[in-house]
């Protein structure tokens, strides 16, 4: 297993870069695993399968959402939309022109 083969393997599996960054691991350690086991899926599963950690992060994020603050934001948005709709409907309405009795002589 050459260094070029390892580089090709890493390029084909970009989640390895995420693994190294998130776990503060060293490329040397991964290269040694590659030298010993090659591209055996069973060995690389823990490095490449980030779906479990992504799901865990998503669940954690959802658990930390304050539903009361979300409700307040949604209520505020609904009120704002309603106000904009009311303003828009008032601007669309125009009263018809009627002659004023005070200026009746000027309309000739």
PDB file of N, CA and C in Angstrom:
ATOM      1  N   UNK A   1       0.837  -1.184   0.000  1.00  0.00           N
ATOM      2  CA  UNK A   1       0.000   0.000   0.000  1.00  0.00           C
ATOM      3  C   UNK A   1       0.884   1.250   0.000  1.00  0.00           C
ATOM      4  N   UNK A   2       0.758   2.017  -1.041  1.00  0.00           N
ATOM      5  CA  UNK A   2       1.588   3.206  -1.161  1.00  0.00           C
ATOM      6  C   UNK A   2       0.866   4.442  -0.633  1.00  0.00           C
ATOM      7  N   UNK A   3       1.638   5.485  -0.491  1.00  0.00           N
ATOM      8  CA  UNK A   3       1.075   6.758  -0.038  1.00  0.00           C
ATOM      9  C   UNK A   3       0.071   7.290  -1.053  1.00  0.00           C
ATOM     10  N   UNK A   4       0.347   7.091  -2.325  1.00  0.00           N
ATOM     11  CA  UNK A   4      -0.563   7.549  -3.383  1.00  0.00           C
ATOM     12  C   UNK A   4      -1.898   6.809  -3.307  1.00  0.00           C
ATOM     13  N   UNK A   5      -1.832   5.503  -2.994  1.00  0.00           N
ATOM     14  CA  UNK A   5      -3.069   4.729  -2.831  1.00  0.00           C
ATOM     15  C   UNK A   5      -3.887   5.265  -1.663  1.00  0.00           C
ATOM     16  N   UNK A   6      -3.214   5.605  -0.576  1.00  0.00           N
ATOM     17  CA  UNK A   6      -3.902   6.159   0.590  1.00  0.00           C
ATOM     18  C   UNK A   6      -4.548   7.503   0.249  1.00  0.00           C
ATOM     19  N   UNK A   7      -3.829   8.341  -0.471  1.00  0.00           N
ATOM     20  CA  UNK A   7      -4.371   9.643  -0.870  1.00  0.00           C
ATOM     21  C   UNK A   7      -5.604   9.452  -1.755  1.00  0.00           C
ATOM     22  N   UNK A   8      -5.527   8.504  -2.671  1.00  0.00           N
ATOM     23  CA  UNK A   8      -6.681   8.202  -3.531  1.00  0.00           C
ATOM     24  C   UNK A   8      -7.857   7.718  -2.688  1.00  0.00           C
ATOM     25  N   UNK A   9      -7.589   6.879  -1.702  1.00  0.00           N
ATOM     26  CA  UNK A   9      -8.626   6.354  -0.808  1.00  0.00           C
ATOM     27  C   UNK A   9      -9.283   7.482  -0.015  1.00  0.00           C
ATOM     28  N   UNK A  10      -8.484   8.407   0.476  1.00  0.00           N
ATOM     29  CA  UNK A  10      -9.025   9.541   1.237  1.00  0.00           C
ATOM     30  C   UNK A  10      -9.884  10.423   0.335  1.00  0.00           C
ATOM     31  N   UNK A  11      -9.434  10.657  -0.885  1.00  0.00           N
ATOM     32  CA  UNK A  11     -10.223  11.467  -1.823  1.00  0.00           C
ATOM     33  C   UNK A  11     -11.549  10.791  -2.166  1.00  0.00           C
ATOM     34  N   UNK A  12     -11.540   9.479  -2.202  1.00  0.00           N
ATOM     35  CA  UNK A  12     -12.774   8.733  -2.482  1.00  0.00           C
ATOM     36  C   UNK A  12     -13.700   8.687  -1.271  1.00  0.00           C
ATOM     37  N   UNK A  13     -13.159   8.964  -0.090  1.00  0.00           N
ATOM     38  CA  UNK A  13     -13.938   8.930   1.157  1.00  0.00           C
ATOM     39  C   UNK A  13     -13.733  10.229   1.939  1.00  0.00           C
ATOM     40  N   UNK A  14     -14.356  11.308   1.507  1.00  0.00           N
ATOM     41  CA  UNK A  14     -14.124  12.602   2.150  1.00  0.00           C
ATOM     42  C   UNK A  14     -14.586  12.674   3.606  1.00  0.00           C
ATOM     43  N   UNK A  15     -15.384  11.728   4.041  1.00  0.00           N
ATOM     44  CA  UNK A  15     -15.789  11.742   5.447  1.00  0.00           C
ATOM     45  C   UNK A  15     -14.614  11.458   6.374  1.00  0.00           C
ATOM     46  N   UNK A  16     -13.522  10.915   5.832  1.00  0.00           N
ATOM     47  CA  UNK A  16     -12.315  10.725   6.648  1.00  0.00           C
ATOM     48  C   UNK A  16     -11.749  12.069   7.109  1.00  0.00           C
ATOM     49  N   UNK A  17     -11.853  13.067   6.256  1.00  0.00           N
ATOM     50  CA  UNK A  17     -11.379  14.409   6.629  1.00  0.00           C
ATOM     51  C   UNK A  17     -12.181  14.923   7.816  1.00  0.00           C
ATOM     52  N   UNK A  18     -13.510  14.738   7.769  1.00  0.00           N
ATOM     53  CA  UNK A  18     -14.359  15.146   8.886  1.00  0.00           C
ATOM     54  C   UNK A  18     -13.991  14.395  10.159  1.00  0.00           C
ATOM     55  N   UNK A  19     -13.727  13.107  10.003  1.00  0.00           N
ATOM     56  CA  UNK A  19     -13.358  12.306  11.161  1.00  0.00           C
ATOM     57  C   UNK A  19     -12.088  12.843  11.811  1.00  0.00           C
ATOM     58  N   UNK A  20     -11.080  13.124  11.008  1.00  0.00           N
ATOM     59  CA  UNK A  20      -9.803  13.618  11.549  1.00  0.00           C
ATOM     60  C   UNK A  20     -10.020  14.961  12.256  1.00  0.00           C
ATOM     61  N   UNK A  21     -10.809  15.839  11.637  1.00  0.00           N
ATOM     62  CA  UNK A  21     -11.035  17.162  12.230  1.00  0.00           C
ATOM     63  C   UNK A  21     -11.827  17.079  13.528  1.00  0.00           C
ATOM     64  N   UNK A  22     -12.888  16.285  13.528  1.00  0.00           N
ATOM     65  CA  UNK A  22     -13.755  16.196  14.709  1.00  0.00           C
ATOM     66  C   UNK A  22     -13.083  15.479  15.869  1.00  0.00           C
ATOM     67  N   UNK A  23     -12.284  14.486  15.581  1.00  0.00           N
ATOM     68  CA  UNK A  23     -11.696  13.658  16.632  1.00  0.00           C
ATOM     69  C   UNK A  23     -10.248  14.006  16.942  1.00  0.00           C
ATOM     70  N   UNK A  24      -9.748  15.059  16.337  1.00  0.00           N
ATOM     71  CA  UNK A  24      -8.353  15.463  16.542  1.00  0.00           C
ATOM     72  C   UNK A  24      -7.392  14.288  16.348  1.00  0.00           C
ATOM     73  N   UNK A  25      -7.720  13.470  15.381  1.00  0.00           N
ATOM     74  CA  UNK A  25      -6.861  12.324  15.071  1.00  0.00           C
ATOM     75  C   UNK A  25      -5.765  12.773  14.106  1.00  0.00           C
ATOM     76  N   UNK A  26      -4.786  11.921  13.926  1.00  0.00           N
ATOM     77  CA  UNK A  26      -3.670  12.242  13.028  1.00  0.00           C
ATOM     78  C   UNK A  26      -3.765  11.382  11.784  1.00  0.00           C
ATOM     79  N   UNK A  27      -3.341  11.964  10.676  1.00  0.00           N
ATOM     80  CA  UNK A  27      -3.340  11.233   9.421  1.00  0.00           C
ATOM     81  C   UNK A  27      -2.404  10.034   9.489  1.00  0.00           C
ATOM     82  N   UNK A  28      -1.357  10.139  10.263  1.00  0.00           N
ATOM     83  CA  UNK A  28      -0.414   9.031  10.416  1.00  0.00           C
ATOM     84  C   UNK A  28      -1.119   7.788  10.949  1.00  0.00           C
ATOM     85  N   UNK A  29      -1.998   7.989  11.914  1.00  0.00           N
ATOM     86  CA  UNK A  29      -2.738   6.848  12.481  1.00  0.00           C
ATOM     87  C   UNK A  29      -3.606   6.177  11.418  1.00  0.00           C
ATOM     88  N   UNK A  30      -4.281   6.978  10.619  1.00  0.00           N
ATOM     89  CA  UNK A  30      -5.132   6.415   9.574  1.00  0.00           C
ATOM     90  C   UNK A  30      -4.295   5.733   8.490  1.00  0.00           C
ATOM     91  N   UNK A  31      -3.154   6.298   8.203  1.00  0.00           N
ATOM     92  CA  UNK A  31      -2.268   5.678   7.201  1.00  0.00           C
ATOM     93  C   UNK A  31      -1.785   4.314   7.693  1.00  0.00           C
ATOM     94  N   UNK A  32      -1.500   4.209   8.973  1.00  0.00           N
ATOM     95  CA  UNK A  32      -1.063   2.926   9.528  1.00  0.00           C
ATOM     96  C   UNK A  32      -2.181   1.889   9.443  1.00  0.00           C
ATOM     97  N   UNK A  33      -3.416   2.319   9.714  1.00  0.00           N
ATOM     98  CA  UNK A  33      -4.551   1.400   9.567  1.00  0.00           C
ATOM     99  C   UNK A  33      -4.682   0.968   8.110  1.00  0.00           C
ATOM    100  N   UNK A  34      -4.519   1.919   7.209  1.00  0.00           N
ATOM    101  CA  UNK A  34      -4.604   1.613   5.772  1.00  0.00           C
ATOM    102  C   UNK A  34      -3.501   0.648   5.356  1.00  0.00           C
ATOM    103  N   UNK A  35      -2.309   0.851   5.896  1.00  0.00           N
ATOM    104  CA  UNK A  35      -1.185  -0.034   5.559  1.00  0.00           C
ATOM    105  C   UNK A  35      -1.437  -1.459   6.039  1.00  0.00           C
ATOM    106  N   UNK A  36      -2.065  -1.586   7.199  1.00  0.00           N
ATOM    107  CA  UNK A  36      -2.308  -2.920   7.761  1.00  0.00           C
ATOM    108  C   UNK A  36      -3.496  -3.629   7.115  1.00  0.00           C
ATOM    109  N   UNK A  37      -4.604  -2.910   6.925  1.00  0.00           N
ATOM    110  CA  UNK A  37      -5.852  -3.547   6.512  1.00  0.00           C
ATOM    111  C   UNK A  37      -6.312  -3.203   5.096  1.00  0.00           C
ATOM    112  N   UNK A  38      -5.674  -2.243   4.468  1.00  0.00           N
ATOM    113  CA  UNK A  38      -6.107  -1.857   3.132  1.00  0.00           C
ATOM    114  C   UNK A  38      -7.451  -1.143   3.176  1.00  0.00           C
ATOM    115  N   UNK A  39      -8.310  -1.445   2.218  1.00  0.00           N
ATOM    116  CA  UNK A  39      -9.599  -0.772   2.113  1.00  0.00           C
ATOM    117  C   UNK A  39     -10.741  -1.643   2.623  1.00  0.00           C
ATOM    118  N   UNK A  40     -10.432  -2.540   3.537  1.00  0.00           N
ATOM    119  CA  UNK A  40     -11.438  -3.449   4.098  1.00  0.00           C
ATOM    120  C   UNK A  40     -12.557  -2.650   4.768  1.00  0.00           C
ATOM    121  N   UNK A  41     -13.791  -2.875   4.299  1.00  0.00           N
ATOM    122  CA  UNK A  41     -14.936  -2.105   4.790  1.00  0.00           C
ATOM    123  C   UNK A  41     -15.140  -2.233   6.287  1.00  0.00           C
ATOM    124  N   UNK A  42     -14.945  -3.416   6.821  1.00  0.00           N
ATOM    125  CA  UNK A  42     -15.182  -3.630   8.256  1.00  0.00           C
ATOM    126  C   UNK A  42     -14.276  -2.756   9.117  1.00  0.00           C
ATOM    127  N   UNK A  43     -13.067  -2.558   8.678  1.00  0.00           N
ATOM    128  CA  UNK A  43     -12.110  -1.751   9.437  1.00  0.00           C
ATOM    129  C   UNK A  43     -12.475  -0.268   9.367  1.00  0.00           C
ATOM    130  N   UNK A  44     -12.888   0.186   8.197  1.00  0.00           N
ATOM    131  CA  UNK A  44     -13.126   1.615   7.978  1.00  0.00           C
ATOM    132  C   UNK A  44     -14.534   2.061   8.360  1.00  0.00           C
ATOM    133  N   UNK A  45     -15.371   1.113   8.740  1.00  0.00           N
ATOM    134  CA  UNK A  45     -16.756   1.442   9.067  1.00  0.00           C
ATOM    135  C   UNK A  45     -16.854   2.523  10.149  1.00  0.00           C
ATOM    136  N   UNK A  46     -16.052   2.405  11.192  1.00  0.00           N
ATOM    137  CA  UNK A  46     -16.138   3.390  12.286  1.00  0.00           C
ATOM    138  C   UNK A  46     -15.635   4.771  11.850  1.00  0.00           C
ATOM    139  N   UNK A  47     -14.781   4.816  10.858  1.00  0.00           N
ATOM    140  CA  UNK A  47     -14.263   6.091  10.368  1.00  0.00           C
ATOM    141  C   UNK A  47     -15.187   6.722   9.321  1.00  0.00           C
ATOM    142  N   UNK A  48     -15.837   5.887   8.554  1.00  0.00           N
ATOM    143  CA  UNK A  48     -16.623   6.367   7.420  1.00  0.00           C
ATOM    144  C   UNK A  48     -18.103   6.529   7.738  1.00  0.00           C
ATOM    145  N   UNK A  49     -18.615   5.801   8.690  1.00  0.00           N
ATOM    146  CA  UNK A  49     -20.047   5.830   8.969  1.00  0.00           C
ATOM    147  C   UNK A  49     -20.350   6.922   9.979  1.00  0.00           C
ATOM    148  N   UNK A  50     -20.586   8.120   9.475  1.00  0.00           N
ATOM    149  CA  UNK A  50     -20.882   9.263  10.337  1.00  0.00           C
ATOM    150  C   UNK A  50     -22.374   9.501  10.472  1.00  0.00           C
ATOM    151  N   UNK A  51     -23.196   8.633   9.896  1.00  0.00           N
ATOM    152  CA  UNK A  51     -24.639   8.853   9.954  1.00  0.00           C
ATOM    153  C   UNK A  51     -25.148   8.790  11.383  1.00  0.00           C
ATOM    154  N   UNK A  52     -24.637   7.878  12.183  1.00  0.00           N
ATOM    155  CA  UNK A  52     -25.096   7.778  13.566  1.00  0.00           C
ATOM    156  C   UNK A  52     -24.788   9.048  14.334  1.00  0.00           C
ATOM    157  N   UNK A  53     -23.596   9.576  14.170  1.00  0.00           N
ATOM    158  CA  UNK A  53     -23.239  10.790  14.893  1.00  0.00           C
ATOM    159  C   UNK A  53     -24.038  11.980  14.376  1.00  0.00           C
ATOM    160  N   UNK A  54     -24.342  12.006  13.089  1.00  0.00           N
ATOM    161  CA  UNK A  54     -25.142  13.097  12.539  1.00  0.00           C
ATOM    162  C   UNK A  54     -26.556  13.054  13.092  1.00  0.00           C
ATOM    163  N   UNK A  55     -27.113  11.864  13.196  1.00  0.00           N
ATOM    164  CA  UNK A  55     -28.456  11.724  13.761  1.00  0.00           C
ATOM    165  C   UNK A  55     -28.443  12.117  15.228  1.00  0.00           C
ATOM    166  N   UNK A  56     -27.424  11.713  15.944  1.00  0.00           N
ATOM    167  CA  UNK A  56     -27.312  12.097  17.353  1.00  0.00           C
ATOM    168  C   UNK A  56     -27.230  13.614  17.509  1.00  0.00           C
ATOM    169  N   UNK A  57     -26.462  14.260  16.633  1.00  0.00           N
ATOM    170  CA  UNK A  57     -26.354  15.712  16.691  1.00  0.00           C
ATOM    171  C   UNK A  57     -27.687  16.380  16.390  1.00  0.00           C
ATOM    172  N   UNK A  58     -28.427  15.850  15.417  1.00  0.00           N
ATOM    173  CA  UNK A  58     -29.732  16.398  15.076  1.00  0.00           C
ATOM    174  C   UNK A  58     -30.717  16.234  16.226  1.00  0.00           C
ATOM    175  N   UNK A  59     -30.747  15.067  16.846  1.00  0.00           N
ATOM    176  CA  UNK A  59     -31.627  14.833  17.993  1.00  0.00           C
ATOM    177  C   UNK A  59     -31.270  15.768  19.137  1.00  0.00           C
ATOM    178  N   UNK A  60     -29.988  15.942  19.367  1.00  0.00           N
ATOM    179  CA  UNK A  60     -29.540  16.854  20.423  1.00  0.00           C
ATOM    180  C   UNK A  60     -29.978  18.284  20.130  1.00  0.00           C
ATOM    181  N   UNK A  61     -29.863  18.688  18.886  1.00  0.00           N
ATOM    182  CA  UNK A  61     -30.275  20.033  18.488  1.00  0.00           C
ATOM    183  C   UNK A  61     -31.772  20.228  18.702  1.00  0.00           C
ATOM    184  N   UNK A  62     -32.568  19.238  18.318  1.00  0.00           N
ATOM    185  CA  UNK A  62     -34.016  19.330  18.480  1.00  0.00           C
ATOM    186  C   UNK A  62     -34.391  19.369  19.956  1.00  0.00           C
ATOM    187  N   UNK A  63     -33.705  18.603  20.778  1.00  0.00           N
ATOM    188  CA  UNK A  63     -33.992  18.603  22.215  1.00  0.00           C
ATOM    189  C   UNK A  63     -33.724  19.964  22.842  1.00  0.00           C
ATOM    190  N   UNK A  64     -32.757  20.694  22.315  1.00  0.00           N
ATOM    191  CA  UNK A  64     -32.388  21.978  22.895  1.00  0.00           C
ATOM    192  C   UNK A  64     -33.235  23.141  22.395  1.00  0.00           C
ATOM    193  N   UNK A  65     -34.182  22.883  21.490  1.00  0.00           N
ATOM    194  CA  UNK A  65     -35.038  23.945  20.976  1.00  0.00           C
ATOM    195  C   UNK A  65     -36.073  24.300  22.032  1.00  0.00           C
ATOM    196  N   UNK A  66     -36.188  25.597  22.318  1.00  0.00           N
ATOM    197  CA  UNK A  66     -37.177  26.074  23.268  1.00  0.00           C
ATOM    198  C   UNK A  66     -38.478  26.302  22.505  1.00  0.00           C
ATOM    199  N   UNK A  67     -39.443  25.417  22.689  1.00  0.00           N
ATOM    200  CA  UNK A  67     -40.684  25.481  21.935  1.00  0.00           C
ATOM    201  C   UNK A  67     -41.489  26.736  22.252  1.00  0.00           C
ATOM    202  N   UNK A  68     -41.386  27.222  23.461  1.00  0.00           N
ATOM    203  CA  UNK A  68     -42.110  28.441  23.827  1.00  0.00           C
ATOM    204  C   UNK A  68     -41.590  29.634  23.031  1.00  0.00           C
ATOM    205  N   UNK A  69     -40.293  29.738  22.871  1.00  0.00           N
ATOM    206  CA  UNK A  69     -39.746  30.857  22.090  1.00  0.00           C
ATOM    207  C   UNK A  69     -40.098  30.709  20.613  1.00  0.00           C
ATOM    208  N   UNK A  70     -40.147  29.485  20.107  1.00  0.00           N
ATOM    209  CA  UNK A  70     -40.558  29.263  18.722  1.00  0.00           C
ATOM    210  C   UNK A  70     -42.010  29.693  18.544  1.00  0.00           C
ATOM    211  N   UNK A  71     -42.866  29.356  19.502  1.00  0.00           N
ATOM    212  CA  UNK A  71     -44.269  29.745  19.438  1.00  0.00           C
ATOM    213  C   UNK A  71     -44.413  31.259  19.431  1.00  0.00           C
ATOM    214  N   UNK A  72     -43.636  31.940  20.258  1.00  0.00           N
ATOM    215  CA  UNK A  72     -43.695  33.408  20.302  1.00  0.00           C
ATOM    216  C   UNK A  72     -43.263  34.017  18.964  1.00  0.00           C
ATOM    217  N   UNK A  73     -42.239  33.466  18.366  1.00  0.00           N
ATOM    218  CA  UNK A  73     -41.774  33.976  17.075  1.00  0.00           C
ATOM    219  C   UNK A  73     -42.842  33.758  16.008  1.00  0.00           C
ATOM    220  N   UNK A  74     -43.453  32.585  16.000  1.00  0.00           N
ATOM    221  CA  UNK A  74     -44.499  32.297  15.016  1.00  0.00           C
ATOM    222  C   UNK A  74     -45.692  33.216  15.223  1.00  0.00           C
ATOM    223  N   UNK A  75     -46.086  33.433  16.477  1.00  0.00           N
ATOM    224  CA  UNK A  75     -47.192  34.360  16.764  1.00  0.00           C
ATOM    225  C   UNK A  75     -46.868  35.766  16.271  1.00  0.00           C
ATOM    226  N   UNK A  76     -45.654  36.212  16.508  1.00  0.00           N
ATOM    227  CA  UNK A  76     -45.237  37.535  16.055  1.00  0.00           C
ATOM    228  C   UNK A  76     -45.271  37.639  14.540  1.00  0.00           C
ATOM    229  N   UNK A  77     -44.824  36.592  13.858  1.00  0.00           N
ATOM    230  CA  UNK A  77     -44.861  36.585  12.393  1.00  0.00           C
ATOM    231  C   UNK A  77     -46.295  36.616  11.879  1.00  0.00           C
ATOM    232  N   UNK A  78     -47.181  35.876  12.539  1.00  0.00           N
ATOM    233  CA  UNK A  78     -48.578  35.870  12.122  1.00  0.00           C
ATOM    234  C   UNK A  78     -49.200  37.258  12.282  1.00  0.00           C
ATOM    235  N   UNK A  79     -48.903  37.927  13.388  1.00  0.00           N
ATOM    236  CA  UNK A  79     -49.429  39.278  13.608  1.00  0.00           C
ATOM    237  C   UNK A  79     -48.883  40.249  12.567  1.00  0.00           C
ATOM    238  N   UNK A  80     -47.612  40.122  12.259  1.00  0.00           N
ATOM    239  CA  UNK A  80     -46.994  40.998  11.258  1.00  0.00           C
ATOM    240  C   UNK A  80     -47.625  40.780   9.885  1.00  0.00           C
ATOM    241  N   UNK A  81     -47.811  39.539   9.511  1.00  0.00           N
ATOM    242  CA  UNK A  81     -48.432  39.230   8.219  1.00  0.00           C
ATOM    243  C   UNK A  81     -49.846  39.776   8.173  1.00  0.00           C
ATOM    244  N   UNK A  82     -50.583  39.606   9.248  1.00  0.00           N
ATOM    245  CA  UNK A  82     -51.952  40.112   9.311  1.00  0.00           C
ATOM    246  C   UNK A  82     -51.974  41.628   9.166  1.00  0.00           C
ATOM    247  N   UNK A  83     -51.063  42.318   9.829  1.00  0.00           N
ATOM    248  CA  UNK A  83     -50.989  43.779   9.749  1.00  0.00           C
ATOM    249  C   UNK A  83     -50.662  44.227   8.330  1.00  0.00           C
ATOM    250  N   UNK A  84     -49.715  43.562   7.691  1.00  0.00           N
ATOM    251  CA  UNK A  84     -49.346  43.902   6.315  1.00  0.00           C
ATOM    252  C   UNK A  84     -50.534  43.671   5.383  1.00  0.00           C
ATOM    253  N   UNK A  85     -51.278  42.615   5.596  1.00  0.00           N
ATOM    254  CA  UNK A  85     -52.454  42.349   4.770  1.00  0.00           C
ATOM    255  C   UNK A  85     -53.507  43.432   4.956  1.00  0.00           C
ATOM    256  N   UNK A  86     -53.709  43.885   6.185  1.00  0.00           N
ATOM    257  CA  UNK A  86     -54.685  44.943   6.450  1.00  0.00           C
ATOM    258  C   UNK A  86     -54.265  46.245   5.786  1.00  0.00           C
ATOM    259  N   UNK A  87     -52.994  46.582   5.887  1.00  0.00           N
ATOM    260  CA  UNK A  87     -52.499  47.814   5.265  1.00  0.00           C
ATOM    261  C   UNK A  87     -52.638  47.725   3.755  1.00  0.00           C
ATOM    262  N   UNK A  88     -52.331  46.601   3.194  1.00  0.00           N
ATOM    263  CA  UNK A  88     -52.445  46.404   1.754  1.00  0.00           C
ATOM    264  C   UNK A  88     -53.875  46.522   1.277  1.00  0.00           C
ATOM    265  N   UNK A  89     -54.816  46.007   2.040  1.00  0.00           N
ATOM    266  CA  UNK A  89     -56.213  46.066   1.610  1.00  0.00           C
ATOM    267  C   UNK A  89     -56.758  47.492   1.725  1.00  0.00           C
ATOM    268  N   UNK A  90     -56.288  48.303   2.658  1.00  0.00           N
ATOM    269  CA  UNK A  90     -56.737  49.693   2.791  1.00  0.00           C
ATOM    270  C   UNK A  90     -56.197  50.545   1.655  1.00  0.00           C
ATOM    271  N   UNK A  91     -55.001  50.283   1.196  1.00  0.00           N
ATOM    272  CA  UNK A  91     -54.417  51.057   0.099  1.00  0.00           C
ATOM    273  C   UNK A  91     -55.106  50.750  -1.221  1.00  0.00           C
ATOM    274  N   UNK A  92     -55.610  49.543  -1.355  1.00  0.00           N
ATOM    275  CA  UNK A  92     -56.282  49.167  -2.593  1.00  0.00           C
ATOM    276  C   UNK A  92     -57.653  49.842  -2.727  1.00  0.00           C
ATOM    277  N   UNK A  93     -58.251  50.219  -1.613  1.00  0.00           N
ATOM    278  CA  UNK A  93     -59.585  50.822  -1.638  1.00  0.00           C
ATOM    279  C   UNK A  93     -59.459  52.328  -1.831  1.00  0.00           C
ATOM    280  N   UNK A  94     -60.111  52.836  -2.885  1.00  0.00           N
ATOM    281  CA  UNK A  94     -60.110  54.277  -3.148  1.00  0.00           C
ATOM    282  C   UNK A  94     -61.562  54.729  -3.260  1.00  0.00           C
ATOM    283  N   UNK A  95     -61.867  55.793  -2.553  1.00  0.00           N
ATOM    284  CA  UNK A  95     -63.228  56.323  -2.616  1.00  0.00           C
ATOM    285  C   UNK A  95     -63.450  57.002  -3.955  1.00  0.00           C
ATOM    286  N   UNK A  96     -64.658  56.870  -4.493  1.00  0.00           N
ATOM    287  CA  UNK A  96     -64.944  57.542  -5.760  1.00  0.00           C
ATOM    288  C   UNK A  96     -64.975  59.059  -5.579  1.00  0.00           C
ATOM    289  N   UNK A  97     -64.661  59.775  -6.643  1.00  0.00           N
ATOM    290  CA  UNK A  97     -64.618  61.235  -6.609  1.00  0.00           C
ATOM    291  C   UNK A  97     -66.038  61.779  -6.591  1.00  0.00           C
ATOM    292  N   UNK A  98     -66.292  62.688  -5.662  1.00  0.00           N
ATOM    293  CA  UNK A  98     -67.569  63.392  -5.599  1.00  0.00           C
ATOM    294  C   UNK A  98     -67.289  64.878  -5.595  1.00  0.00           C
ATOM    295  N   UNK A  99     -68.150  65.621  -6.277  1.00  0.00           N
ATOM    296  CA  UNK A  99     -67.994  67.069  -6.301  1.00  0.00           C
ATOM    297  C   UNK A  99     -68.321  67.629  -4.926  1.00  0.00           C
ATOM    298  N   UNK A 100     -67.526  68.524  -4.500  1.00  0.00           N
ATOM    299  CA  UNK A 100     -67.748  69.164  -3.227  1.00  0.00           C
ATOM    300  C   UNK A 100     -68.675  70.359  -3.416  1.00  0.00           C
ATOM    301  N   UNK A 101     -69.671  70.538  -2.537  1.00  0.00           N
ATOM    302  CA  UNK A 101     -70.578  71.680  -2.688  1.00  0.00           C
ATOM    303  C   UNK A 101     -69.864  73.008  -2.455  1.00  0.00           C
ATOM    304  N   UNK A 102     -68.778  73.007  -1.705  1.00  0.00           N
ATOM    305  CA  UNK A 102     -68.047  74.249  -1.402  1.00  0.00           C
ATOM    306  C   UNK A 102     -67.356  74.762  -2.656  1.00  0.00           C
ATOM    307  N   UNK A 103     -66.781  73.870  -3.433  1.00  0.00           N
ATOM    308  CA  UNK A 103     -66.043  74.279  -4.617  1.00  0.00           C
ATOM    309  C   UNK A 103     -66.838  73.982  -5.893  1.00  0.00           C
ATOM    310  N   UNK A 104     -68.121  73.900  -5.798  1.00  0.00           N
ATOM    311  CA  UNK A 104     -68.956  73.571  -6.924  1.00  0.00           C
ATOM    312  C   UNK A 104     -68.812  74.527  -8.092  1.00  0.00           C
ATOM    313  N   UNK A 105     -68.555  75.802  -7.831  1.00  0.00           N
ATOM    314  CA  UNK A 105     -68.432  76.771  -8.899  1.00  0.00           C
ATOM    315  C   UNK A 105     -67.153  76.585  -9.713  1.00  0.00           C
ATOM    316  N   UNK A 106     -66.138  75.980  -9.127  1.00  0.00           N
ATOM    317  CA  UNK A 106     -64.840  75.829  -9.794  1.00  0.00           C
ATOM    318  C   UNK A 106     -64.797  74.622 -10.734  1.00  0.00           C
ATOM    319  N   UNK A 107     -65.747  73.719 -10.627  1.00  0.00           N
ATOM    320  CA  UNK A 107     -65.711  72.496 -11.411  1.00  0.00           C
ATOM    321  C   UNK A 107     -66.190  72.683 -12.843  1.00  0.00           C
ATOM    322  N   UNK A 108     -66.662  73.816 -13.198  1.00  0.00           N
ATOM    323  CA  UNK A 108     -67.230  74.014 -14.550  1.00  0.00           C
ATOM    324  C   UNK A 108     -66.234  73.787 -15.558  1.00  0.00           C
TER     325      UNK A 108
END
